[in-house]
PDB file of N, CA and C in Angstrom:
ATOM      1  N   MET A   1       1.131  -1.104   0.173  1.00  0.00           N
ATOM      2  CA  MET A   1      -0.147  -0.592  -0.072  1.00  0.00           C
ATOM      3  C   MET A   1       1.071   1.378  -0.037  1.00  0.00           C
ATOM      4  N   ARG A   2       0.448   1.926  -0.631  1.00  0.00           N
ATOM      5  CA  ARG A   2       1.443   3.481  -0.412  1.00  0.00           C
ATOM      6  C   ARG A   2       0.361   4.581  -0.520  1.00  0.00           C
ATOM      7  N   LYS A   3       1.223   5.507  -0.014  1.00  0.00           N
ATOM      8  CA  LYS A   3       0.792   6.973   1.517  1.00  0.00           C
ATOM      9  C   LYS A   3      -0.697   7.215   0.338  1.00  0.00           C
ATOM     10  N   ALA A   4      -1.056   7.375  -0.715  1.00  0.00           N
ATOM     11  CA  ALA A   4      -2.332   7.609  -1.667  1.00  0.00           C
ATOM     12  C   ALA A   4      -2.921   6.626  -1.473  1.00  0.00           C
ATOM     13  N   GLU A   5      -2.657   5.755  -1.185  1.00  0.00           N
ATOM     14  CA  GLU A   5      -3.638   4.481  -0.902  1.00  0.00           C
ATOM     15  C   GLU A   5      -4.156   4.324   0.621  1.00  0.00           C
ATOM     16  N   ILE A   6      -2.978   5.732   1.386  1.00  0.00           N
ATOM     17  CA  ILE A   6      -3.593   5.333   2.563  1.00  0.00           C
ATOM     18  C   ILE A   6      -4.409   6.224   2.843  1.00  0.00           C
ATOM     19  N   ILE A   7      -3.954   8.112   2.367  1.00  0.00           N
ATOM     20  CA  ILE A   7      -4.603   9.012   2.601  1.00  0.00           C
ATOM     21  C   ILE A   7      -6.266   8.547   1.658  1.00  0.00           C
ATOM     22  N   ALA A   8      -6.822   8.010   0.489  1.00  0.00           N
ATOM     23  CA  ALA A   8      -7.844   7.416  -0.060  1.00  0.00           C
ATOM     24  C   ALA A   8      -8.574   6.484   1.259  1.00  0.00           C
ATOM     25  N   SER A   9      -7.634   5.844   1.980  1.00  0.00           N
ATOM     26  CA  SER A   9      -8.350   5.242   3.005  1.00  0.00           C
ATOM     27  C   SER A   9      -9.020   5.848   4.189  1.00  0.00           C
ATOM     28  N   VAL A  10      -8.095   6.584   4.414  1.00  0.00           N
ATOM     29  CA  VAL A  10      -8.209   7.016   5.569  1.00  0.00           C
ATOM     30  C   VAL A  10      -9.854   8.129   5.230  1.00  0.00           C
ATOM     31  N   SER A  11      -9.800   8.993   4.040  1.00  0.00           N
ATOM     32  CA  SER A  11     -10.171  10.212   3.745  1.00  0.00           C
ATOM     33  C   SER A  11     -11.897   8.875   3.723  1.00  0.00           C
ATOM     34  N   SER A  12     -12.057   7.893   3.105  1.00  0.00           N
ATOM     35  CA  SER A  12     -13.496   7.627   2.584  1.00  0.00           C
ATOM     36  C   SER A  12     -13.775   6.999   3.913  1.00  0.00           C
ATOM     37  N   GLN A  13     -13.327   6.191   5.282  1.00  0.00           N
ATOM     38  CA  GLN A  13     -13.406   5.271   6.084  1.00  0.00           C
ATOM     39  C   GLN A  13     -14.295   7.291   7.614  1.00  0.00           C
ATOM     40  N   THR A  14     -13.702   8.365   7.021  1.00  0.00           N
ATOM     41  CA  THR A  14     -13.573   9.301   8.230  1.00  0.00           C
ATOM     42  C   THR A  14     -14.610  10.312   7.707  1.00  0.00           C
ATOM     43  N   GLY A  15     -14.475  10.307   5.969  1.00  0.00           N
ATOM     44  CA  GLY A  15     -15.522  11.623   5.447  1.00  0.00           C
ATOM     45  C   GLY A  15     -14.541  12.772   5.391  1.00  0.00           C
ATOM     46  N   VAL A  16     -12.869  13.223   5.551  1.00  0.00           N
ATOM     47  CA  VAL A  16     -12.596  13.585   5.879  1.00  0.00           C
ATOM     48  C   VAL A  16     -12.094  14.677   3.838  1.00  0.00           C
ATOM     49  N   ASP A  17     -11.974  15.556   4.128  1.00  0.00           N
ATOM     50  CA  ASP A  17     -11.340  16.195   2.617  1.00  0.00           C
ATOM     51  C   ASP A  17     -10.256  15.786   2.165  1.00  0.00           C
ATOM     52  N   ARG A  18      -9.845  14.556   1.725  1.00  0.00           N
ATOM     53  CA  ARG A  18      -8.413  13.852   0.930  1.00  0.00           C
ATOM     54  C   ARG A  18      -7.844  15.184   0.838  1.00  0.00           C
ATOM     55  N   ALA A  19      -7.848  16.273   0.772  1.00  0.00           N
ATOM     56  CA  ALA A  19      -6.367  17.424   1.564  1.00  0.00           C
ATOM     57  C   ALA A  19      -5.789  17.235   2.057  1.00  0.00           C
ATOM     58  N   ASP A  20      -6.126  17.722   3.160  1.00  0.00           N
ATOM     59  CA  ASP A  20      -7.015  17.541   4.354  1.00  0.00           C
ATOM     60  C   ASP A  20      -6.023  16.697   5.586  1.00  0.00           C
ATOM     61  N   VAL A  21      -6.248  15.095   5.033  1.00  0.00           N
ATOM     62  CA  VAL A  21      -5.825  14.090   5.101  1.00  0.00           C
ATOM     63  C   VAL A  21      -4.443  14.143   4.888  1.00  0.00           C
ATOM     64  N   GLN A  22      -4.812  14.307   3.733  1.00  0.00           N
ATOM     65  CA  GLN A  22      -2.998  14.258   3.066  1.00  0.00           C
ATOM     66  C   GLN A  22      -1.686  15.290   3.967  1.00  0.00           C
ATOM     67  N   GLU A  23      -2.443  16.819   4.109  1.00  0.00           N
ATOM     68  CA  GLU A  23      -1.826  17.815   5.089  1.00  0.00           C
ATOM     69  C   GLU A  23      -1.300  16.665   6.366  1.00  0.00           C
ATOM     70  N   VAL A  24      -2.536  15.830   7.357  1.00  0.00           N
ATOM     71  CA  VAL A  24      -2.115  15.778   8.465  1.00  0.00           C
ATOM     72  C   VAL A  24      -0.786  14.638   8.328  1.00  0.00           C
ATOM     73  N   ILE A  25      -1.575  13.333   7.716  1.00  0.00           N
ATOM     74  CA  ILE A  25      -0.221  13.020   6.781  1.00  0.00           C
ATOM     75  C   ILE A  25       1.257  12.812   7.222  1.00  0.00           C
ATOM     76  N   GLU A  26       1.194  13.936   6.456  1.00  0.00           N
ATOM     77  CA  GLU A  26       2.457  14.520   5.840  1.00  0.00           C
ATOM     78  C   GLU A  26       3.092  15.352   7.597  1.00  0.00           C
ATOM     79  N   ALA A  27       2.808  15.480   7.988  1.00  0.00           N
ATOM     80  CA  ALA A  27       2.393  16.789   9.361  1.00  0.00           C
ATOM     81  C   ALA A  27       3.622  15.470  10.203  1.00  0.00           C
ATOM     82  N   THR A  28       2.792  14.538  10.241  1.00  0.00           N
ATOM     83  CA  THR A  28       2.854  13.532  11.096  1.00  0.00           C
ATOM     84  C   THR A  28       3.949  12.957  10.066  1.00  0.00           C
ATOM     85  N   LEU A  29       4.221  12.325   9.335  1.00  0.00           N
ATOM     86  CA  LEU A  29       5.703  11.680   9.041  1.00  0.00           C
ATOM     87  C   LEU A  29       7.158  12.862   8.734  1.00  0.00           C
ATOM     88  N   ILE A  30       6.768  14.178   9.030  1.00  0.00           N
ATOM     89  CA  ILE A  30       7.641  15.091   9.390  1.00  0.00           C
ATOM     90  C   ILE A  30       7.848  15.032  10.377  1.00  0.00           C
ATOM     91  N   THR A  31       7.312  14.853  11.490  1.00  0.00           N
ATOM     92  CA  THR A  31       7.430  14.957  13.079  1.00  0.00           C
ATOM     93  C   THR A  31       7.328  13.877  13.208  1.00  0.00           C
ATOM     94  N   ILE A  32       7.653  12.284  12.986  1.00  0.00           N
ATOM     95  CA  ILE A  32       8.104  11.683  13.379  1.00  0.00           C
ATOM     96  C   ILE A  32       9.812  11.336  12.766  1.00  0.00           C
ATOM     97  N   LYS A  33      10.278  12.065  11.504  1.00  0.00           N
ATOM     98  CA  LYS A  33      11.380  11.856  11.044  1.00  0.00           C
ATOM     99  C   LYS A  33      12.266  12.725  11.955  1.00  0.00           C
ATOM    100  N   GLU A  34      11.830  13.982  12.477  1.00  0.00           N
ATOM    101  CA  GLU A  34      12.312  14.989  12.990  1.00  0.00           C
ATOM    102  C   GLU A  34      12.787  14.995  14.491  1.00  0.00           C
ATOM    103  N   SER A  35      11.576  14.062  15.156  1.00  0.00           N
ATOM    104  CA  SER A  35      12.337  13.448  16.298  1.00  0.00           C
ATOM    105  C   SER A  35      12.368  12.384  16.039  1.00  0.00           C
ATOM    106  N   LEU A  36      12.866  11.608  15.636  1.00  0.00           N
ATOM    107  CA  LEU A  36      14.428  10.770  15.379  1.00  0.00           C
ATOM    108  C   LEU A  36      15.491  11.218  15.010  1.00  0.00           C
ATOM    109  N   LYS A  37      15.377  12.400  14.401  1.00  0.00           N
ATOM    110  CA  LYS A  37      16.775  13.072  14.526  1.00  0.00           C
ATOM    111  C   LYS A  37      17.280  13.537  15.247  1.00  0.00           C
ATOM    112  N   ASN A  38      16.250  13.983  16.268  1.00  0.00           N
ATOM    113  CA  ASN A  38      16.283  14.700  17.468  1.00  0.00           C
ATOM    114  C   ASN A  38      16.687  14.405  18.262  1.00  0.00           C
ATOM    115  N   GLY A  39      16.908  12.338  18.489  1.00  0.00           N
ATOM    116  CA  GLY A  39      17.409  11.629  18.996  1.00  0.00           C
ATOM    117  C   GLY A  39      15.767  11.245  20.440  1.00  0.00           C
ATOM    118  N   GLU A  40      14.725  11.191  20.045  1.00  0.00           N
ATOM    119  CA  GLU A  40      13.642  11.003  20.663  1.00  0.00           C
ATOM    120  C   GLU A  40      13.225   9.888  19.816  1.00  0.00           C
ATOM    121  N   ASN A  41      12.663   8.663  21.449  1.00  0.00           N
ATOM    122  CA  ASN A  41      11.497   7.804  20.887  1.00  0.00           C
ATOM    123  C   ASN A  41      10.746   8.666  20.362  1.00  0.00           C
ATOM    124  N   ILE A  42       9.917   7.646  20.136  1.00  0.00           N
ATOM    125  CA  ILE A  42       8.547   7.987  19.502  1.00  0.00           C
ATOM    126  C   ILE A  42       7.369   6.837  19.714  1.00  0.00           C
ATOM    127  N   TYR A  43       6.540   6.587  20.949  1.00  0.00           N
ATOM    128  CA  TYR A  43       5.802   5.605  21.333  1.00  0.00           C
ATOM    129  C   TYR A  43       4.144   5.844  20.595  1.00  0.00           C
ATOM    130  N   ILE A  44       3.918   5.095  20.491  1.00  0.00           N
ATOM    131  CA  ILE A  44       1.932   5.325  19.976  1.00  0.00           C
ATOM    132  C   ILE A  44       0.492   3.849  20.787  1.00  0.00           C
ATOM    133  N   ARG A  45       0.758   4.039  21.491  1.00  0.00           N
ATOM    134  CA  ARG A  45       0.315   2.662  22.187  1.00  0.00           C
ATOM    135  C   ARG A  45      -0.569   2.012  20.871  1.00  0.00           C
ATOM    136  N   GLY A  46      -0.559   0.652  21.455  1.00  0.00           N
ATOM    137  CA  GLY A  46      -1.382   0.025  20.399  1.00  0.00           C
ATOM    138  C   GLY A  46      -0.901  -0.187  19.210  1.00  0.00           C
ATOM    139  N   PHE A  47       0.487   0.829  18.939  1.00  0.00           N
ATOM    140  CA  PHE A  47       0.967   0.482  17.650  1.00  0.00           C
ATOM    141  C   PHE A  47       1.958   0.113  17.704  1.00  0.00           C
ATOM    142  N   GLY A  48       3.632   0.310  18.285  1.00  0.00           N
ATOM    143  CA  GLY A  48       4.701   0.490  18.226  1.00  0.00           C
ATOM    144  C   GLY A  48       6.106   1.317  18.616  1.00  0.00           C
ATOM    145  N   THR A  49       6.751   1.366  18.872  1.00  0.00           N
ATOM    146  CA  THR A  49       7.662   2.136  19.098  1.00  0.00           C
ATOM    147  C   THR A  49       8.759   2.340  17.954  1.00  0.00           C
ATOM    148  N   PHE A  50       9.201   4.105  17.525  1.00  0.00           N
ATOM    149  CA  PHE A  50       9.803   4.834  17.162  1.00  0.00           C
ATOM    150  C   PHE A  50      11.109   4.779  17.700  1.00  0.00           C
ATOM    151  N   SER A  51      12.370   4.619  17.455  1.00  0.00           N
ATOM    152  CA  SER A  51      13.309   4.680  18.149  1.00  0.00           C
ATOM    153  C   SER A  51      14.151   4.464  17.141  1.00  0.00           C
ATOM    154  N   ASN A  52      15.434   5.577  18.209  1.00  0.00           N
ATOM    155  CA  ASN A  52      17.088   4.631  16.906  1.00  0.00           C
ATOM    156  C   ASN A  52      18.186   4.363  17.910  1.00  0.00           C
ATOM    157  N   LYS A  53      18.491   3.189  16.665  1.00  0.00           N
ATOM    158  CA  LYS A  53      19.544   2.452  17.395  1.00  0.00           C
ATOM    159  C   LYS A  53      21.204   2.186  17.088  1.00  0.00           C
ATOM    160  N   LYS A  54      21.762   2.466  17.987  1.00  0.00           N
ATOM    161  CA  LYS A  54      23.290   2.745  17.774  1.00  0.00           C
ATOM    162  C   LYS A  54      24.102   0.993  16.869  1.00  0.00           C
ATOM    163  N   ARG A  55      24.448   2.104  15.664  1.00  0.00           N
ATOM    164  CA  ARG A  55      25.439   0.561  15.553  1.00  0.00           C
ATOM    165  C   ARG A  55      26.851   0.450  15.899  1.00  0.00           C
ATOM    166  N   ALA A  56      27.650  -0.348  15.959  1.00  0.00           N
ATOM    167  CA  ALA A  56      29.181  -0.261  16.392  1.00  0.00           C
ATOM    168  C   ALA A  56      29.709   0.568  15.056  1.00  0.00           C
ATOM    169  N   LYS A  57      31.094   0.689  15.707  1.00  0.00           N
ATOM    170  CA  LYS A  57      32.045   0.993  14.493  1.00  0.00           C
ATOM    171  C   LYS A  57      32.174  -0.870  13.808  1.00  0.00           C
ATOM    172  N   LYS A  58      32.779  -0.837  12.515  1.00  0.00           N
ATOM    173  CA  LYS A  58      32.761  -1.530  12.697  1.00  0.00           C
ATOM    174  C   LYS A  58      33.855  -2.025  10.715  1.00  0.00           C
ATOM    175  N   ILE A  59      34.026  -3.033  10.850  1.00  0.00           N
ATOM    176  CA  ILE A  59      35.403  -3.708   9.164  1.00  0.00           C
ATOM    177  C   ILE A  59      33.990  -3.783   8.368  1.00  0.00           C
ATOM    178  N   ALA A  60      33.927  -3.226   7.346  1.00  0.00           N
ATOM    179  CA  ALA A  60      33.389  -4.185   6.430  1.00  0.00           C
ATOM    180  C   ALA A  60      34.369  -4.149   4.943  1.00  0.00           C
ATOM    181  N   ARG A  61      33.375  -4.270   3.959  1.00  0.00           N
ATOM    182  CA  ARG A  61      34.475  -5.071   3.248  1.00  0.00           C
ATOM    183  C   ARG A  61      33.413  -4.525   1.557  1.00  0.00           C
ATOM    184  N   ASN A  62      34.342  -3.991   0.872  1.00  0.00           N
ATOM    185  CA  ASN A  62      33.790  -3.342  -0.230  1.00  0.00           C
ATOM    186  C   ASN A  62      33.702  -5.014  -1.263  1.00  0.00           C
ATOM    187  N   ILE A  63      32.522  -5.792  -1.906  1.00  0.00           N
ATOM    188  CA  ILE A  63      33.582  -6.899  -2.706  1.00  0.00           C
ATOM    189  C   ILE A  63      33.805  -6.749  -4.071  1.00  0.00           C
ATOM    190  N   SER A  64      33.224  -5.297  -4.805  1.00  0.00           N
ATOM    191  CA  SER A  64      33.553  -5.135  -5.969  1.00  0.00           C
ATOM    192  C   SER A  64      35.430  -4.869  -6.125  1.00  0.00           C
ATOM    193  N   THR A  65      35.953  -4.253  -5.023  1.00  0.00           N
ATOM    194  CA  THR A  65      37.256  -4.226  -5.038  1.00  0.00           C
ATOM    195  C   THR A  65      37.613  -4.358  -3.845  1.00  0.00           C
ATOM    196  N   ASN A  66      37.457  -5.276  -3.129  1.00  0.00           N
ATOM    197  CA  ASN A  66      38.234  -6.181  -2.411  1.00  0.00           C
ATOM    198  C   ASN A  66      38.584  -5.736  -1.370  1.00  0.00           C
ATOM    199  N   THR A  67      38.065  -4.560  -0.651  1.00  0.00           N
ATOM    200  CA  THR A  67      38.855  -3.373  -0.207  1.00  0.00           C
ATOM    201  C   THR A  67      37.933  -2.997   1.264  1.00  0.00           C
ATOM    202  N   ALA A  68      38.743  -2.821   2.009  1.00  0.00           N
ATOM    203  CA  ALA A  68      38.570  -3.112   3.560  1.00  0.00           C
ATOM    204  C   ALA A  68      37.501  -1.403   4.093  1.00  0.00           C
ATOM    205  N   ILE A  69      36.497  -1.876   4.574  1.00  0.00           N
ATOM    206  CA  ILE A  69      36.139   0.296   4.628  1.00  0.00           C
ATOM    207  C   ILE A  69      35.862  -0.608   6.508  1.00  0.00           C
ATOM    208  N   ILE A  70      36.025   0.814   6.977  1.00  0.00           N
ATOM    209  CA  ILE A  70      35.509   0.757   8.335  1.00  0.00           C
ATOM    210  C   ILE A  70      33.908   1.897   8.067  1.00  0.00           C
ATOM    211  N   LEU A  71      33.650   1.785   8.429  1.00  0.00           N
ATOM    212  CA  LEU A  71      32.220   2.541   9.016  1.00  0.00           C
ATOM    213  C   LEU A  71      32.096   2.742  10.827  1.00  0.00           C
ATOM    214  N   ASP A  72      32.250   3.897  10.761  1.00  0.00           N
ATOM    215  CA  ASP A  72      31.974   4.767  11.562  1.00  0.00           C
ATOM    216  C   ASP A  72      30.641   4.322  12.266  1.00  0.00           C
ATOM    217  N   ALA A  73      31.064   4.730  13.872  1.00  0.00           N
ATOM    218  CA  ALA A  73      29.188   4.447  14.362  1.00  0.00           C
ATOM    219  C   ALA A  73      28.124   4.865  13.622  1.00  0.00           C
ATOM    220  N   HIS A  74      26.840   4.799  13.915  1.00  0.00           N
ATOM    221  CA  HIS A  74      26.194   5.865  14.159  1.00  0.00           C
ATOM    222  C   HIS A  74      24.809   5.556  14.145  1.00  0.00           C
ATOM    223  N   TYR A  75      23.699   5.853  14.044  1.00  0.00           N
ATOM    224  CA  TYR A  75      22.341   5.765  14.436  1.00  0.00           C
ATOM    225  C   TYR A  75      21.763   5.534  13.603  1.00  0.00           C
ATOM    226  N   VAL A  76      20.885   4.157  13.242  1.00  0.00           N
ATOM    227  CA  VAL A  76      19.531   4.034  11.995  1.00  0.00           C
ATOM    228  C   VAL A  76      18.253   3.457  13.093  1.00  0.00           C
ATOM    229  N   PRO A  77      17.144   4.169  12.052  1.00  0.00           N
ATOM    230  CA  PRO A  77      16.078   4.682  13.115  1.00  0.00           C
ATOM    231  C   PRO A  77      15.185   2.996  12.677  1.00  0.00           C
ATOM    232  N   SER A  78      14.583   2.312  13.992  1.00  0.00           N
ATOM    233  CA  SER A  78      13.730   1.702  13.956  1.00  0.00           C
ATOM    234  C   SER A  78      12.510   1.724  14.522  1.00  0.00           C
ATOM    235  N   PHE A  79      12.099   0.027  14.396  1.00  0.00           N
ATOM    236  CA  PHE A  79      10.425  -0.043  14.694  1.00  0.00           C
ATOM    237  C   PHE A  79      10.033  -1.161  14.925  1.00  0.00           C
ATOM    238  N   LYS A  80       9.626  -0.434  16.468  1.00  0.00           N
ATOM    239  CA  LYS A  80       9.067  -2.103  17.467  1.00  0.00           C
ATOM    240  C   LYS A  80       7.654  -2.248  17.374  1.00  0.00           C
ATOM    241  N   PRO A  81       6.799  -3.528  16.648  1.00  0.00           N
ATOM    242  CA  PRO A  81       5.809  -3.264  17.384  1.00  0.00           C
ATOM    243  C   PRO A  81       4.883  -3.369  18.236  1.00  0.00           C
ATOM    244  N   SER A  82       4.270  -3.153  18.332  1.00  0.00           N
ATOM    245  CA  SER A  82       3.723  -3.264  20.150  1.00  0.00           C
ATOM    246  C   SER A  82       3.221  -4.867  20.177  1.00  0.00           C
ATOM    247  N   LYS A  83       2.717  -5.241  21.430  1.00  0.00           N
ATOM    248  CA  LYS A  83       2.108  -6.428  21.297  1.00  0.00           C
ATOM    249  C   LYS A  83       0.429  -7.031  20.279  1.00  0.00           C
ATOM    250  N   ILE A  84       0.158  -5.774  20.728  1.00  0.00           N
ATOM    251  CA  ILE A  84      -1.269  -5.992  20.143  1.00  0.00           C
ATOM    252  C   ILE A  84      -1.442  -5.364  18.675  1.00  0.00           C
ATOM    253  N   PHE A  85      -0.162  -5.161  18.235  1.00  0.00           N
ATOM    254  CA  PHE A  85      -0.424  -4.787  16.901  1.00  0.00           C
ATOM    255  C   PHE A  85       0.348  -6.572  16.257  1.00  0.00           C
ATOM    256  N   ILE A  86       0.737  -7.035  16.977  1.00  0.00           N
ATOM    257  CA  ILE A  86       1.744  -7.853  16.576  1.00  0.00           C
ATOM    258  C   ILE A  86       0.852  -9.226  16.244  1.00  0.00           C
ATOM    259  N   GLU A  87      -0.007  -8.942  18.006  1.00  0.00           N
ATOM    260  CA  GLU A  87      -1.348 -10.574  17.507  1.00  0.00           C
ATOM    261  C   GLU A  87      -2.601 -10.256  16.254  1.00  0.00           C
ATOM    262  N   SER A  88      -2.291  -8.967  16.423  1.00  0.00           N
ATOM    263  CA  SER A  88      -3.721  -8.263  15.016  1.00  0.00           C
ATOM    264  C   SER A  88      -3.396  -8.984  13.674  1.00  0.00           C
ATOM    265  N   VAL A  89      -1.805  -9.142  13.952  1.00  0.00           N
ATOM    266  CA  VAL A  89      -1.219  -9.399  12.225  1.00  0.00           C
ATOM    267  C   VAL A  89      -1.287 -11.088  12.373  1.00  0.00           C
ATOM    268  N   LYS A  90      -0.205 -12.157  13.417  1.00  0.00           N
ATOM    269  CA  LYS A  90      -0.212 -13.269  13.582  1.00  0.00           C
ATOM    270  C   LYS A  90      -2.302 -13.250  13.634  1.00  0.00           C
ATOM    271  N   SER A  91      -3.244 -13.164  13.951  1.00  0.00           N
ATOM    272  CA  SER A  91      -4.156 -13.792  13.629  1.00  0.00           C
ATOM    273  C   SER A  91      -4.869 -13.780  12.416  1.00  0.00           C
ATOM    274  N   ASN A  92      -4.468 -12.696  11.640  1.00  0.00           N
ATOM    275  CA  ASN A  92      -4.864 -12.394   9.846  1.00  0.00           C
ATOM    276  C   ASN A  92      -4.470 -14.337   9.566  1.00  0.00           C
ATOM    277  N   ASN A  93      -5.273 -14.621   8.714  1.00  0.00           N
ATOM    278  CA  ASN A  93      -4.971 -15.823   7.793  1.00  0.00           C
ATOM    279  C   ASN A  93      -4.709 -15.490   6.242  1.00  0.00           C
ATOM    280  N   LYS A  94      -4.738 -14.478   6.332  1.00  0.00           N
ATOM    281  CA  LYS A  94      -4.059 -13.968   4.796  1.00  0.00           C
ATOM    282  C   LYS A  94      -2.434 -14.428   4.496  1.00  0.00           C
ATOM    283  N   VAL A  95      -1.582 -14.730   4.057  1.00  0.00           N
ATOM    284  CA  VAL A  95      -0.768 -14.893   3.871  1.00  0.00           C
ATOM    285  C   VAL A  95      -0.493 -14.232   1.868  1.00  0.00           C
ATOM    286  N   THR A  96       0.616 -13.410   2.423  1.00  0.00           N
ATOM    287  CA  THR A  96       1.111 -12.593   0.377  1.00  0.00           C
ATOM    288  C   THR A  96       2.562 -12.785   0.116  1.00  0.00           C
TER     289      THR A  96
END
Protein backbone atom coordinates (compact mmCIF):
# COMPACT_ATOMS: atom_id res chain seq x y z
CA MET A 1 0.00 0.00 0.00
CA ARG A 2 1.35 3.40 -0.99
CA LYS A 3 0.90 6.72 0.78
CA ALA A 4 -1.74 7.81 -1.75
CA GLU A 5 -3.76 4.67 -1.01
CA ILE A 6 -3.50 5.30 2.73
CA ILE A 7 -4.75 8.87 2.21
CA ALA A 8 -7.69 7.63 0.11
CA SER A 9 -8.56 4.97 2.70
CA VAL A 10 -8.47 7.38 5.65
CA SER A 11 -10.46 9.94 3.69
CA SER A 12 -13.19 7.43 2.85
CA GLN A 13 -13.32 6.02 6.41
CA THR A 14 -13.56 9.41 8.11
CA GLY A 15 -15.35 11.52 5.52
CA VAL A 16 -12.60 14.15 5.76
CA ASP A 17 -11.41 15.83 2.55
CA ARG A 18 -8.42 14.12 0.89
CA ALA A 19 -6.35 17.32 0.92
CA ASP A 20 -6.81 17.66 4.68
CA VAL A 21 -5.94 14.00 5.27
CA GLN A 22 -2.82 14.38 3.11
CA GLU A 23 -1.74 17.42 5.13
CA VAL A 24 -2.16 15.54 8.42
CA ILE A 25 -0.30 12.45 7.21
CA GLU A 26 2.56 14.54 5.80
CA ALA A 27 2.82 16.48 9.07
CA THR A 28 2.80 13.22 11.06
CA LEU A 29 5.61 11.73 8.99
CA ILE A 30 7.67 14.92 9.21
CA THR A 31 7.18 14.98 12.99
CA ILE A 32 8.32 11.35 13.29
CA LYS A 33 11.42 12.03 11.16
CA GLU A 34 12.32 15.22 13.03
CA SER A 35 11.85 13.57 16.43
CA LEU A 36 14.09 10.65 15.51
CA LYS A 37 16.63 13.09 14.07
CA ASN A 38 16.66 14.87 17.45
CA GLY A 39 17.17 11.58 19.32
CA GLU A 40 13.62 11.31 20.68
CA ASN A 41 11.68 8.04 20.73
CA ILE A 42 8.04 7.95 19.65
CA TYR A 43 5.57 5.61 21.36
CA ILE A 44 2.12 5.09 19.87
CA ARG A 45 -0.02 2.94 22.16
CA GLY A 46 -1.42 -0.12 20.39
CA PHE A 47 0.85 0.42 17.38
CA GLY A 48 4.52 0.46 18.36
CA THR A 49 7.67 2.43 19.09
CA PHE A 50 9.93 4.31 16.71
CA SER A 51 13.47 4.68 18.06
CA ASN A 52 17.10 5.06 17.07
CA LYS A 53 19.46 2.12 17.45
CA LYS A 54 23.18 2.63 17.66
CA ARG A 55 25.36 0.61 15.32
CA ALA A 56 28.91 0.06 16.50
CA LYS A 57 31.99 0.96 14.51
CA LYS A 58 32.98 -1.96 12.29
CA ILE A 59 35.07 -3.02 9.35
CA ALA A 60 33.12 -3.88 6.22
CA ARG A 61 34.31 -5.13 2.87
CA ASN A 62 33.65 -3.63 -0.56
CA ILE A 63 33.20 -6.82 -2.57
CA SER A 64 33.67 -5.17 -5.96
CA THR A 65 37.16 -3.87 -5.13
CA ASN A 66 37.91 -6.32 -2.29
CA THR A 67 38.98 -3.52 0.04
CA ALA A 68 38.22 -2.98 3.70
CA ILE A 69 36.07 0.01 4.69
CA ILE A 70 35.74 1.34 8.21
CA LEU A 71 32.17 2.24 9.08
CA ASP A 72 31.95 4.66 12.00
CA ALA A 73 29.40 4.22 14.76
CA HIS A 74 26.04 5.59 13.68
CA TYR A 75 22.33 5.49 14.43
CA VAL A 76 19.65 3.81 12.34
CA PRO A 77 15.88 4.24 12.77
CA SER A 78 13.98 1.19 13.96
CA PHE A 79 10.38 0.23 14.67
CA LYS A 80 9.21 -2.23 17.30
CA PRO A 81 5.54 -3.16 16.95
CA SER A 82 3.38 -3.41 20.07
CA LYS A 83 2.06 -6.76 21.30
CA ILE A 84 -1.46 -5.79 20.23
CA PHE A 85 -0.21 -5.02 16.71
CA ILE A 86 1.76 -8.28 16.52
CA GLU A 87 -1.23 -10.34 17.67
CA SER A 88 -3.56 -8.68 15.15
CA VAL A 89 -1.16 -9.51 12.32
CA LYS A 90 -0.62 -13.08 13.57
CA SER A 91 -4.36 -13.72 13.72
CA ASN A 92 -4.74 -12.77 10.05
CA ASN A 93 -4.96 -15.85 7.81
CA LYS A 94 -3.89 -14.05 4.62
CA VAL A 95 -0.33 -14.70 3.52
CA THR A 96 1.04 -12.68 0.63
